[in-house]
Amino acid sequence: MGDIIHAMVALQFIKKALPHSRIDWVVEGAFVNVLKNNPHIDNILPINLKSLKKRKSEIFTQYKILKTYSKNNYDIVIDAQGLLKSAIVAKIIGAKVVAGFDKESIREGIASLFYDKKVSIAYDANTIDRNVAVLCEPLGIKVSSEEIVKKEKFLFASSHAPNLPETFNIFVIGSTWESRNYPKEKFVEIAEALKRETYIVWGSDEEHKKALWMQEQSEFLRILPRGSLDELKYVISKCALLIGNDTGPTHMAWGLNVPSITIFGPTPTNRVYITPINRVVKSSSTVNHYKLDKNDFSIQEIESDEIIQIAKELFH
């Protein structure tokens, strides 16, 4: 989800430069709601490549879907992911031009063989700069860092959540690796210090258990009922501050121009853009962009006081 959000920011710059362009987006079906309601996307084209992990025979179904999309006769297809599987998808959909990163700019360099136009940008450069470059440069569009910092919000929701408090915070407590998760005890310390009603976002049974424990420890904590990604966009858009791990829902705050603090341990802080309202806290560990260490649990060493201080600064 984070990769999608970090790439979506490019859309507003493309539409500004090419206002009459038609933009379709191919995305895993589970993340369609992240893209929905964005005025710069003409059509969302779902696929389900993850189904191939369970049933190899699904490859025929997904191929047929992609061939259907190829009938749209695109002028250009851009692969923003830079993986072999995404490069193959781009090639199957087909276009007069297929664009993507050059072989020095991605982990799976073989993917670049599928591209006609290639974009060069360091693999360890800022993730958002990389996404904007690969989506805009093949179209002859240059975007500065200042323009990205001053971006317009690009996530939009059609859902509504009733009975939200007038002012509230959000905690995002999960991620794809346990070593990326800030300790639940320290989240509670933050809630107790800020003394503001705070909703806990969770996504798995294990995260729900953590959320239940946290709720029992503080009168300021509430579990956010599980809903759709569209509903999550809406709730985040209404919060005063989001504090969370390096994961998709946390990055939604940046896409919504909502104040946030992203907590980093084993992953690099250049996955986000630091702005006056979007801040980061990083553990003391050194991160190798080319080989992330899933056993780096240094995030646990970050003191809650460091996050509390930044939160208070953002409130003022």
C-alpha atoms as a PDB file:
ATOM      1  CA  MET A   1       0.000   0.000   0.000  1.00  0.00           C
ATOM      2  CA  GLY A   2       2.807   2.400   0.823  1.00  0.00           C
ATOM      3  CA  ASP A   3       4.309   2.017  -2.649  1.00  0.00           C
ATOM      4  CA  ILE A   4       0.968   2.915  -4.235  1.00  0.00           C
ATOM      5  CA  ILE A   5       0.569   6.002  -2.057  1.00  0.00           C
ATOM      6  CA  HIS A   6       4.119   7.157  -2.749  1.00  0.00           C
ATOM      7  CA  ALA A   7       3.545   6.841  -6.493  1.00  0.00           C
ATOM      8  CA  MET A   8       0.113   8.510  -6.516  1.00  0.00           C
ATOM      9  CA  VAL A   9       1.581  11.912  -5.719  1.00  0.00           C
ATOM     10  CA  ALA A  10       2.908  12.057  -9.306  1.00  0.00           C
ATOM     11  CA  LEU A  11      -0.610  12.143 -10.768  1.00  0.00           C
ATOM     12  CA  GLN A  12      -1.298  15.789  -9.970  1.00  0.00           C
ATOM     13  CA  PHE A  13       1.898  16.871 -11.727  1.00  0.00           C
ATOM     14  CA  ILE A  14       1.108  14.771 -14.801  1.00  0.00           C
ATOM     15  CA  LYS A  15      -2.411  16.196 -15.055  1.00  0.00           C
ATOM     16  CA  LYS A  16      -1.109  19.728 -14.575  1.00  0.00           C
ATOM     17  CA  ALA A  17       1.359  19.305 -17.448  1.00  0.00           C
ATOM     18  CA  LEU A  18      -0.930  17.140 -19.613  1.00  0.00           C
ATOM     19  CA  PRO A  19      -4.485  18.112 -18.612  1.00  0.00           C
ATOM     20  CA  HIS A  20      -6.150  16.098 -21.383  1.00  0.00           C
ATOM     21  CA  SER A  21      -4.233  12.874 -20.732  1.00  0.00           C
ATOM     22  CA  ARG A  22      -6.080   9.722 -19.736  1.00  0.00           C
ATOM     23  CA  ILE A  23      -4.554   7.841 -16.812  1.00  0.00           C
ATOM     24  CA  ASP A  24      -5.470   4.240 -15.972  1.00  0.00           C
ATOM     25  CA  TRP A  25      -3.861   2.423 -13.031  1.00  0.00           C
ATOM     26  CA  VAL A  26      -3.270  -1.330 -12.771  1.00  0.00           C
ATOM     27  CA  VAL A  27      -3.353  -2.426  -9.127  1.00  0.00           C
ATOM     28  CA  GLU A  28      -3.782  -5.496  -6.933  1.00  0.00           C
ATOM     29  CA  GLY A  29      -7.506  -5.869  -6.216  1.00  0.00           C
ATOM     30  CA  ALA A  30      -7.005  -5.576  -2.453  1.00  0.00           C
ATOM     31  CA  PHE A  31      -5.802  -1.982  -2.867  1.00  0.00           C
ATOM     32  CA  VAL A  32      -8.423  -0.627  -5.270  1.00  0.00           C
ATOM     33  CA  ASN A  33      -9.953   1.498  -2.496  1.00  0.00           C
ATOM     34  CA  VAL A  34      -6.674   3.350  -1.991  1.00  0.00           C
ATOM     35  CA  LEU A  35      -6.993   4.708  -5.538  1.00  0.00           C
ATOM     36  CA  LYS A  36     -10.756   5.220  -5.617  1.00  0.00           C
ATOM     37  CA  ASN A  37     -12.166   8.762  -5.794  1.00  0.00           C
ATOM     38  CA  ASN A  38      -8.895  10.275  -7.023  1.00  0.00           C
ATOM     39  CA  PRO A  39      -9.954  12.791  -9.725  1.00  0.00           C
ATOM     40  CA  HIS A  40      -6.772  12.245 -11.738  1.00  0.00           C
ATOM     41  CA  ILE A  41      -7.390   8.517 -12.347  1.00  0.00           C
ATOM     42  CA  ASP A  42      -9.737   7.699 -15.208  1.00  0.00           C
ATOM     43  CA  ASN A  43      -9.929   3.921 -14.725  1.00  0.00           C
ATOM     44  CA  ILE A  44      -8.727   1.532 -12.021  1.00  0.00           C
ATOM     45  CA  LEU A  45      -7.762  -1.846 -13.495  1.00  0.00           C
ATOM     46  CA  PRO A  46      -7.612  -4.591 -10.833  1.00  0.00           C
ATOM     47  CA  ILE A  47      -5.493  -7.740 -11.057  1.00  0.00           C
ATOM     48  CA  ASN A  48      -4.798 -10.492  -8.547  1.00  0.00           C
ATOM     49  CA  LEU A  49      -1.216 -11.676  -8.971  1.00  0.00           C
ATOM     50  CA  LYS A  50      -1.134 -12.697  -5.310  1.00  0.00           C
ATOM     51  CA  SER A  51      -3.572 -15.480  -6.175  1.00  0.00           C
ATOM     52  CA  LEU A  52      -0.752 -17.174  -8.110  1.00  0.00           C
ATOM     53  CA  LYS A  53       0.969 -18.061  -4.840  1.00  0.00           C
ATOM     54  CA  LYS A  54      -1.941 -20.344  -3.933  1.00  0.00           C
ATOM     55  CA  ARG A  55      -3.006 -21.549  -7.382  1.00  0.00           C
ATOM     56  CA  LYS A  56      -0.543 -21.601 -10.277  1.00  0.00           C
ATOM     57  CA  SER A  57      -3.443 -22.197 -12.666  1.00  0.00           C
ATOM     58  CA  GLU A  58      -4.598 -18.631 -11.935  1.00  0.00           C
ATOM     59  CA  ILE A  59      -1.888 -17.441 -14.299  1.00  0.00           C
ATOM     60  CA  PHE A  60      -4.231 -18.072 -17.246  1.00  0.00           C
ATOM     61  CA  THR A  61      -7.051 -16.053 -15.662  1.00  0.00           C
ATOM     62  CA  GLN A  62      -4.769 -13.120 -14.874  1.00  0.00           C
ATOM     63  CA  TYR A  63      -3.217 -13.243 -18.345  1.00  0.00           C
ATOM     64  CA  LYS A  64      -6.677 -12.993 -19.923  1.00  0.00           C
ATOM     65  CA  ILE A  65      -7.477  -9.989 -17.732  1.00  0.00           C
ATOM     66  CA  LEU A  66      -4.264  -8.250 -18.769  1.00  0.00           C
ATOM     67  CA  LYS A  67      -4.894  -8.979 -22.450  1.00  0.00           C
ATOM     68  CA  THR A  68      -8.316  -7.361 -22.037  1.00  0.00           C
ATOM     69  CA  TYR A  69      -6.602  -4.241 -20.688  1.00  0.00           C
ATOM     70  CA  SER A  70      -4.213  -4.293 -23.660  1.00  0.00           C
ATOM     71  CA  LYS A  71      -7.164  -3.544 -25.960  1.00  0.00           C
ATOM     72  CA  ASN A  72      -7.162   0.020 -24.592  1.00  0.00           C
ATOM     73  CA  ASN A  73      -4.260   0.827 -26.960  1.00  0.00           C
ATOM     74  CA  TYR A  74      -2.154   2.884 -24.559  1.00  0.00           C
ATOM     75  CA  ASP A  75       0.469   5.301 -25.837  1.00  0.00           C
ATOM     76  CA  ILE A  76       2.704   4.486 -22.885  1.00  0.00           C
ATOM     77  CA  VAL A  77       2.705   2.000 -20.008  1.00  0.00           C
ATOM     78  CA  ILE A  78       4.958   2.866 -17.058  1.00  0.00           C
ATOM     79  CA  ASP A  79       6.117   0.274 -14.526  1.00  0.00           C
ATOM     80  CA  ALA A  80       6.680   2.153 -11.264  1.00  0.00           C
ATOM     81  CA  GLN A  81       7.436  -0.974  -9.238  1.00  0.00           C
ATOM     82  CA  GLY A  82      10.571  -2.151 -11.015  1.00  0.00           C
ATOM     83  CA  LEU A  83      10.096  -5.864 -10.381  1.00  0.00           C
ATOM     84  CA  LEU A  84      10.248  -8.646 -12.939  1.00  0.00           C
ATOM     85  CA  LYS A  85       6.563  -9.482 -12.409  1.00  0.00           C
ATOM     86  CA  SER A  86       5.448  -5.855 -12.817  1.00  0.00           C
ATOM     87  CA  ALA A  87       7.633  -5.473 -15.923  1.00  0.00           C
ATOM     88  CA  ILE A  88       5.994  -8.535 -17.466  1.00  0.00           C
ATOM     89  CA  VAL A  89       2.564  -7.088 -16.636  1.00  0.00           C
ATOM     90  CA  ALA A  90       3.524  -3.826 -18.366  1.00  0.00           C
ATOM     91  CA  LYS A  91       4.724  -5.710 -21.437  1.00  0.00           C
ATOM     92  CA  ILE A  92       1.566  -7.864 -21.662  1.00  0.00           C
ATOM     93  CA  ILE A  93      -0.668  -4.791 -21.479  1.00  0.00           C
ATOM     94  CA  GLY A  94       1.510  -3.368 -24.212  1.00  0.00           C
ATOM     95  CA  ALA A  95       1.862   0.110 -25.640  1.00  0.00           C
ATOM     96  CA  LYS A  96       3.806   2.063 -28.212  1.00  0.00           C
ATOM     97  CA  VAL A  97       6.268   2.651 -25.357  1.00  0.00           C
ATOM     98  CA  VAL A  98       6.911   0.757 -22.099  1.00  0.00           C
ATOM     99  CA  ALA A  99       8.903   2.721 -19.520  1.00  0.00           C
ATOM    100  CA  GLY A 100      10.575   1.961 -16.212  1.00  0.00           C
ATOM    101  CA  PHE A 101      13.814   2.179 -14.245  1.00  0.00           C
ATOM    102  CA  ASP A 102      17.175   1.293 -15.778  1.00  0.00           C
ATOM    103  CA  LYS A 103      18.969  -1.806 -14.475  1.00  0.00           C
ATOM    104  CA  GLU A 104      21.173   0.159 -12.050  1.00  0.00           C
ATOM    105  CA  SER A 105      18.137   1.746 -10.378  1.00  0.00           C
ATOM    106  CA  ILE A 106      16.238  -1.358  -9.219  1.00  0.00           C
ATOM    107  CA  ARG A 107      16.827  -4.510  -7.211  1.00  0.00           C
ATOM    108  CA  GLU A 108      15.659  -6.827 -10.009  1.00  0.00           C
ATOM    109  CA  GLY A 109      17.746  -5.351 -12.827  1.00  0.00           C
ATOM    110  CA  ILE A 110      16.469  -7.922 -15.330  1.00  0.00           C
ATOM    111  CA  ALA A 111      13.133  -6.069 -15.347  1.00  0.00           C
ATOM    112  CA  SER A 112      14.740  -3.208 -17.297  1.00  0.00           C
ATOM    113  CA  LEU A 113      15.022  -5.477 -20.361  1.00  0.00           C
ATOM    114  CA  PHE A 114      11.268  -5.024 -20.862  1.00  0.00           C
ATOM    115  CA  TYR A 115      11.418  -1.215 -21.091  1.00  0.00           C
ATOM    116  CA  ASP A 116      11.834   1.025 -24.136  1.00  0.00           C
ATOM    117  CA  LYS A 117      12.377   4.182 -22.071  1.00  0.00           C
ATOM    118  CA  LYS A 118      14.540   3.921 -18.964  1.00  0.00           C
ATOM    119  CA  VAL A 119      14.863   6.277 -16.002  1.00  0.00           C
ATOM    120  CA  SER A 120      18.064   6.493 -13.984  1.00  0.00           C
ATOM    121  CA  ILE A 121      17.865   7.367 -10.276  1.00  0.00           C
ATOM    122  CA  ALA A 122      19.808   5.893  -7.366  1.00  0.00           C
ATOM    123  CA  TYR A 123      18.195   2.863  -5.727  1.00  0.00           C
ATOM    124  CA  ASP A 124      18.841   4.405  -2.306  1.00  0.00           C
ATOM    125  CA  ALA A 125      17.362   7.804  -3.282  1.00  0.00           C
ATOM    126  CA  ASN A 126      14.163   8.995  -1.629  1.00  0.00           C
ATOM    127  CA  THR A 127      11.327   6.594  -2.488  1.00  0.00           C
ATOM    128  CA  ILE A 128       8.922   9.374  -3.407  1.00  0.00           C
ATOM    129  CA  ASP A 129      11.497  11.112  -5.621  1.00  0.00           C
ATOM    130  CA  ARG A 130      12.051   7.767  -7.349  1.00  0.00           C
ATOM    131  CA  ASN A 131       8.340   7.225  -7.978  1.00  0.00           C
ATOM    132  CA  VAL A 132       7.819  10.745  -9.280  1.00  0.00           C
ATOM    133  CA  ALA A 133      10.858  10.408 -11.564  1.00  0.00           C
ATOM    134  CA  VAL A 134       9.806   7.099 -13.126  1.00  0.00           C
ATOM    135  CA  LEU A 135       6.236   8.278 -13.719  1.00  0.00           C
ATOM    136  CA  CYS A 136       6.980  11.814 -14.907  1.00  0.00           C
ATOM    137  CA  GLU A 137      10.306  11.759 -16.750  1.00  0.00           C
ATOM    138  CA  PRO A 138       9.133   9.417 -19.548  1.00  0.00           C
ATOM    139  CA  LEU A 139       6.419  12.021 -20.226  1.00  0.00           C
ATOM    140  CA  GLY A 140       8.937  14.886 -20.335  1.00  0.00           C
ATOM    141  CA  ILE A 141       7.827  16.292 -16.980  1.00  0.00           C
ATOM    142  CA  LYS A 142      10.259  17.517 -14.315  1.00  0.00           C
ATOM    143  CA  VAL A 143       9.078  17.873 -10.711  1.00  0.00           C
ATOM    144  CA  SER A 144      11.116  19.583  -7.981  1.00  0.00           C
ATOM    145  CA  SER A 145      11.344  18.559  -4.331  1.00  0.00           C
ATOM    146  CA  GLU A 146       9.720  21.866  -3.408  1.00  0.00           C
ATOM    147  CA  GLU A 147       6.708  21.024  -5.563  1.00  0.00           C
ATOM    148  CA  ILE A 148       6.369  17.645  -3.850  1.00  0.00           C
ATOM    149  CA  VAL A 149       6.529  19.233  -0.391  1.00  0.00           C
ATOM    150  CA  LYS A 150       3.790  21.681  -1.431  1.00  0.00           C
ATOM    151  CA  LYS A 151       1.648  19.000  -3.065  1.00  0.00           C
ATOM    152  CA  GLU A 152      -2.138  18.977  -2.899  1.00  0.00           C
ATOM    153  CA  LYS A 153      -3.713  16.088  -1.031  1.00  0.00           C
ATOM    154  CA  PHE A 154      -4.339  13.131  -3.336  1.00  0.00           C
ATOM    155  CA  LEU A 155      -6.304  10.614  -1.296  1.00  0.00           C
ATOM    156  CA  PHE A 156     -10.080  10.981  -1.264  1.00  0.00           C
ATOM    157  CA  ALA A 157     -12.856   9.040   0.469  1.00  0.00           C
ATOM    158  CA  SER A 158     -16.536   8.602  -0.294  1.00  0.00           C
ATOM    159  CA  SER A 159     -17.218   6.950   3.082  1.00  0.00           C
ATOM    160  CA  HIS A 160     -18.190   8.649   6.322  1.00  0.00           C
ATOM    161  CA  ALA A 161     -17.676   7.534   9.912  1.00  0.00           C
ATOM    162  CA  PRO A 162     -20.295   8.722  12.412  1.00  0.00           C
ATOM    163  CA  ASN A 163     -19.682   9.884  15.967  1.00  0.00           C
ATOM    164  CA  LEU A 164     -16.022  10.821  15.616  1.00  0.00           C
ATOM    165  CA  PRO A 165     -14.738  13.154  18.345  1.00  0.00           C
ATOM    166  CA  GLU A 166     -14.064  16.747  17.355  1.00  0.00           C
ATOM    167  CA  THR A 167     -10.338  16.226  18.021  1.00  0.00           C
ATOM    168  CA  PHE A 168      -8.567  12.877  18.097  1.00  0.00           C
ATOM    169  CA  ASN A 169      -5.280  11.151  17.285  1.00  0.00           C
ATOM    170  CA  ILE A 170      -4.562   7.851  15.540  1.00  0.00           C
ATOM    171  CA  PHE A 171      -1.991   5.169  16.324  1.00  0.00           C
ATOM    172  CA  VAL A 172      -0.949   2.686  13.598  1.00  0.00           C
ATOM    173  CA  ILE A 173       0.546  -0.217  15.543  1.00  0.00           C
ATOM    174  CA  GLY A 174       1.252  -2.890  12.895  1.00  0.00           C
ATOM    175  CA  SER A 175       3.452  -3.472   9.853  1.00  0.00           C
ATOM    176  CA  THR A 176       4.719  -6.335   7.719  1.00  0.00           C
ATOM    177  CA  TRP A 177       7.574  -7.263  10.083  1.00  0.00           C
ATOM    178  CA  GLU A 178       7.539  -7.459  13.860  1.00  0.00           C
ATOM    179  CA  SER A 179      10.897  -5.628  13.963  1.00  0.00           C
ATOM    180  CA  ARG A 180       9.222  -2.566  12.401  1.00  0.00           C
ATOM    181  CA  ASN A 181       6.666  -2.339  15.213  1.00  0.00           C
ATOM    182  CA  TYR A 182       7.067   0.176  18.015  1.00  0.00           C
ATOM    183  CA  PRO A 183       6.345  -1.417  21.442  1.00  0.00           C
ATOM    184  CA  LYS A 184       2.725  -1.317  22.525  1.00  0.00           C
ATOM    185  CA  GLU A 185       3.789  -0.237  26.027  1.00  0.00           C
ATOM    186  CA  LYS A 186       5.428   2.896  24.623  1.00  0.00           C
ATOM    187  CA  PHE A 187       2.377   3.714  22.528  1.00  0.00           C
ATOM    188  CA  VAL A 188       0.419   3.672  25.781  1.00  0.00           C
ATOM    189  CA  GLU A 189       2.959   6.041  27.355  1.00  0.00           C
ATOM    190  CA  ILE A 190       2.443   8.446  24.450  1.00  0.00           C
ATOM    191  CA  ALA A 191      -1.346   8.304  24.837  1.00  0.00           C
ATOM    192  CA  GLU A 192      -1.094   8.984  28.558  1.00  0.00           C
ATOM    193  CA  ALA A 193       1.202  11.964  27.984  1.00  0.00           C
ATOM    194  CA  LEU A 194      -0.846  13.574  25.195  1.00  0.00           C
ATOM    195  CA  LYS A 195      -4.175  13.028  26.970  1.00  0.00           C
ATOM    196  CA  ARG A 196      -6.226  13.111  23.779  1.00  0.00           C
ATOM    197  CA  GLU A 197      -8.713  10.517  22.584  1.00  0.00           C
ATOM    198  CA  THR A 198      -6.808   8.200  20.249  1.00  0.00           C
ATOM    199  CA  TYR A 199      -7.989   5.488  17.881  1.00  0.00           C
ATOM    200  CA  ILE A 200      -5.856   2.384  17.296  1.00  0.00           C
ATOM    201  CA  VAL A 201      -5.667   1.098  13.709  1.00  0.00           C
ATOM    202  CA  TRP A 202      -5.113  -2.652  13.425  1.00  0.00           C
ATOM    203  CA  GLY A 203      -5.139  -5.172  10.591  1.00  0.00           C
ATOM    204  CA  SER A 204      -4.559  -8.694  11.932  1.00  0.00           C
ATOM    205  CA  ASP A 205      -5.700 -10.854  14.844  1.00  0.00           C
ATOM    206  CA  GLU A 206      -2.334 -10.335  16.537  1.00  0.00           C
ATOM    207  CA  GLU A 207      -2.603  -6.558  16.160  1.00  0.00           C
ATOM    208  CA  HIS A 208      -6.170  -6.699  17.499  1.00  0.00           C
ATOM    209  CA  LYS A 209      -4.911  -8.467  20.629  1.00  0.00           C
ATOM    210  CA  LYS A 210      -2.311  -5.727  21.089  1.00  0.00           C
ATOM    211  CA  ALA A 211      -4.980  -3.062  20.587  1.00  0.00           C
ATOM    212  CA  LEU A 212      -7.242  -4.675  23.193  1.00  0.00           C
ATOM    213  CA  TRP A 213      -4.381  -4.723  25.699  1.00  0.00           C
ATOM    214  CA  MET A 214      -3.553  -1.084  24.969  1.00  0.00           C
ATOM    215  CA  GLN A 215      -7.175  -0.039  25.350  1.00  0.00           C
ATOM    216  CA  GLU A 216      -7.235  -1.588  28.799  1.00  0.00           C
ATOM    217  CA  GLN A 217      -4.171   0.408  29.871  1.00  0.00           C
ATOM    218  CA  SER A 218      -5.361   3.899  29.025  1.00  0.00           C
ATOM    219  CA  GLU A 219      -8.643   5.787  29.164  1.00  0.00           C
ATOM    220  CA  PHE A 220      -7.537   7.733  26.073  1.00  0.00           C
ATOM    221  CA  LEU A 221      -7.273   4.709  23.761  1.00  0.00           C
ATOM    222  CA  ARG A 222     -10.066   3.257  21.606  1.00  0.00           C
ATOM    223  CA  ILE A 223      -9.953   0.482  19.025  1.00  0.00           C
ATOM    224  CA  LEU A 224     -10.990   1.654  15.574  1.00  0.00           C
ATOM    225  CA  PRO A 225     -13.557  -0.823  14.202  1.00  0.00           C
ATOM    226  CA  ARG A 226     -12.250  -2.705  11.209  1.00  0.00           C
ATOM    227  CA  GLY A 227     -13.551  -1.189   7.996  1.00  0.00           C
ATOM    228  CA  SER A 228     -12.630  -0.645   4.359  1.00  0.00           C
ATOM    229  CA  LEU A 229      -9.565   1.242   3.168  1.00  0.00           C
ATOM    230  CA  ASP A 230     -11.931   3.969   1.972  1.00  0.00           C
ATOM    231  CA  GLU A 231     -13.326   4.341   5.493  1.00  0.00           C
ATOM    232  CA  LEU A 232      -9.781   4.419   6.858  1.00  0.00           C
ATOM    233  CA  LYS A 233      -8.909   7.280   4.495  1.00  0.00           C
ATOM    234  CA  TYR A 234     -11.890   9.209   5.812  1.00  0.00           C
ATOM    235  CA  VAL A 235     -11.045   8.695   9.495  1.00  0.00           C
ATOM    236  CA  ILE A 236      -7.383   9.611   8.980  1.00  0.00           C
ATOM    237  CA  SER A 237      -8.418  12.748   7.078  1.00  0.00           C
ATOM    238  CA  LYS A 238     -10.259  13.928  10.211  1.00  0.00           C
ATOM    239  CA  CYS A 239      -7.566  13.227  12.815  1.00  0.00           C
ATOM    240  CA  ALA A 240      -5.328  15.849  14.417  1.00  0.00           C
ATOM    241  CA  LEU A 241      -2.196  13.682  14.437  1.00  0.00           C
ATOM    242  CA  LEU A 242      -1.256  10.195  13.301  1.00  0.00           C
ATOM    243  CA  ILE A 243       1.637   8.337  14.928  1.00  0.00           C
ATOM    244  CA  GLY A 244       2.635   4.995  13.444  1.00  0.00           C
ATOM    245  CA  ASN A 245       5.133   2.500  12.124  1.00  0.00           C
ATOM    246  CA  ASP A 246       6.558   2.588   8.597  1.00  0.00           C
ATOM    247  CA  THR A 247       3.518   1.081   6.866  1.00  0.00           C
ATOM    248  CA  GLY A 248       0.692   1.926   4.440  1.00  0.00           C
ATOM    249  CA  PRO A 249      -1.911   3.491   6.780  1.00  0.00           C
ATOM    250  CA  THR A 250       0.765   5.737   8.276  1.00  0.00           C
ATOM    251  CA  HIS A 251       1.721   6.979   4.810  1.00  0.00           C
ATOM    252  CA  MET A 252      -1.942   7.837   4.174  1.00  0.00           C
ATOM    253  CA  ALA A 253      -1.502  10.812   6.511  1.00  0.00           C
ATOM    254  CA  TRP A 254       1.102  12.306   4.162  1.00  0.00           C
ATOM    255  CA  GLY A 255      -1.197  11.759   1.175  1.00  0.00           C
ATOM    256  CA  LEU A 256      -4.000  13.533   3.058  1.00  0.00           C
ATOM    257  CA  ASN A 257      -1.822  16.441   4.289  1.00  0.00           C
ATOM    258  CA  VAL A 258      -2.486  15.370   7.891  1.00  0.00           C
ATOM    259  CA  PRO A 259       0.195  15.832  10.609  1.00  0.00           C
ATOM    260  CA  SER A 260       2.116  12.621  11.280  1.00  0.00           C
ATOM    261  CA  ILE A 261       5.090  11.060  13.016  1.00  0.00           C
ATOM    262  CA  THR A 262       6.499   7.936  11.357  1.00  0.00           C
ATOM    263  CA  ILE A 263       8.624   5.666  13.562  1.00  0.00           C
ATOM    264  CA  PHE A 264      11.552   3.900  11.857  1.00  0.00           C
ATOM    265  CA  GLY A 265      13.763   1.034  12.995  1.00  0.00           C
ATOM    266  CA  PRO A 266      15.106  -1.365  10.329  1.00  0.00           C
ATOM    267  CA  THR A 267      13.882   0.666   7.335  1.00  0.00           C
ATOM    268  CA  PRO A 268      15.273   3.947   5.913  1.00  0.00           C
ATOM    269  CA  THR A 269      13.643   7.280   6.665  1.00  0.00           C
ATOM    270  CA  ASN A 270      13.929   8.313   3.009  1.00  0.00           C
ATOM    271  CA  ARG A 271      10.801   6.281   2.337  1.00  0.00           C
ATOM    272  CA  VAL A 272       8.892   9.418   3.294  1.00  0.00           C
ATOM    273  CA  TYR A 273       9.076  13.174   2.742  1.00  0.00           C
ATOM    274  CA  ILE A 274       9.824  15.147   5.884  1.00  0.00           C
ATOM    275  CA  THR A 275       7.727  18.324   5.953  1.00  0.00           C
ATOM    276  CA  PRO A 276       6.785  20.852   8.654  1.00  0.00           C
ATOM    277  CA  ILE A 277       3.798  18.632   9.581  1.00  0.00           C
ATOM    278  CA  ASN A 278       5.156  15.183   8.615  1.00  0.00           C
ATOM    279  CA  ARG A 279       8.028  14.199  10.876  1.00  0.00           C
ATOM    280  CA  VAL A 280      10.070  11.071  11.541  1.00  0.00           C
ATOM    281  CA  VAL A 281      11.817   9.382  14.440  1.00  0.00           C
ATOM    282  CA  LYS A 282      14.575   6.881  13.668  1.00  0.00           C
ATOM    283  CA  SER A 283      16.389   4.414  15.898  1.00  0.00           C
ATOM    284  CA  SER A 284      20.196   4.514  16.124  1.00  0.00           C
ATOM    285  CA  SER A 285      20.748   1.543  13.790  1.00  0.00           C
ATOM    286  CA  THR A 286      22.378   1.936  10.367  1.00  0.00           C
ATOM    287  CA  VAL A 287      20.238   0.729   7.460  1.00  0.00           C
ATOM    288  CA  ASN A 288      21.582  -0.924   4.310  1.00  0.00           C
ATOM    289  CA  HIS A 289      19.110   0.012   1.559  1.00  0.00           C
ATOM    290  CA  TYR A 290      20.131  -3.020  -0.488  1.00  0.00           C
ATOM    291  CA  LYS A 291      19.714  -5.546   2.327  1.00  0.00           C
ATOM    292  CA  LEU A 292      17.252  -4.654   5.061  1.00  0.00           C
ATOM    293  CA  ASP A 293      17.739  -6.513   8.344  1.00  0.00           C
ATOM    294  CA  LYS A 294      14.498  -8.040   9.604  1.00  0.00           C
ATOM    295  CA  ASN A 295      16.293  -8.874  12.859  1.00  0.00           C
ATOM    296  CA  ASP A 296      17.015  -5.213  13.619  1.00  0.00           C
ATOM    297  CA  PHE A 297      14.728  -4.543  16.597  1.00  0.00           C
ATOM    298  CA  SER A 298      16.317  -1.172  17.423  1.00  0.00           C
ATOM    299  CA  ILE A 299      12.907   0.523  17.088  1.00  0.00           C
ATOM    300  CA  GLN A 300      12.217  -0.753  20.602  1.00  0.00           C
ATOM    301  CA  GLU A 301      14.976   1.493  21.954  1.00  0.00           C
ATOM    302  CA  ILE A 302      13.340   4.758  20.854  1.00  0.00           C
ATOM    303  CA  GLU A 303      12.137   6.598  23.953  1.00  0.00           C
ATOM    304  CA  SER A 304       8.486   7.620  24.012  1.00  0.00           C
ATOM    305  CA  ASP A 305       9.554  11.071  25.261  1.00  0.00           C
ATOM    306  CA  GLU A 306      11.180  11.770  21.893  1.00  0.00           C
ATOM    307  CA  ILE A 307       7.874  11.164  20.104  1.00  0.00           C
ATOM    308  CA  ILE A 308       5.843  13.004  22.737  1.00  0.00           C
ATOM    309  CA  GLN A 309       8.013  16.118  22.309  1.00  0.00           C
ATOM    310  CA  ILE A 310       7.508  16.169  18.514  1.00  0.00           C
ATOM    311  CA  ALA A 311       3.769  15.587  18.945  1.00  0.00           C
ATOM    312  CA  LYS A 312       3.493  18.589  21.271  1.00  0.00           C
ATOM    313  CA  GLU A 313       5.413  20.722  18.760  1.00  0.00           C
ATOM    314  CA  LEU A 314       2.954  19.692  16.022  1.00  0.00           C
ATOM    315  CA  PHE A 315      -0.021  20.585  18.235  1.00  0.00           C
ATOM    316  CA  HIS A 316       1.308  24.144  18.401  1.00  0.00           C
END
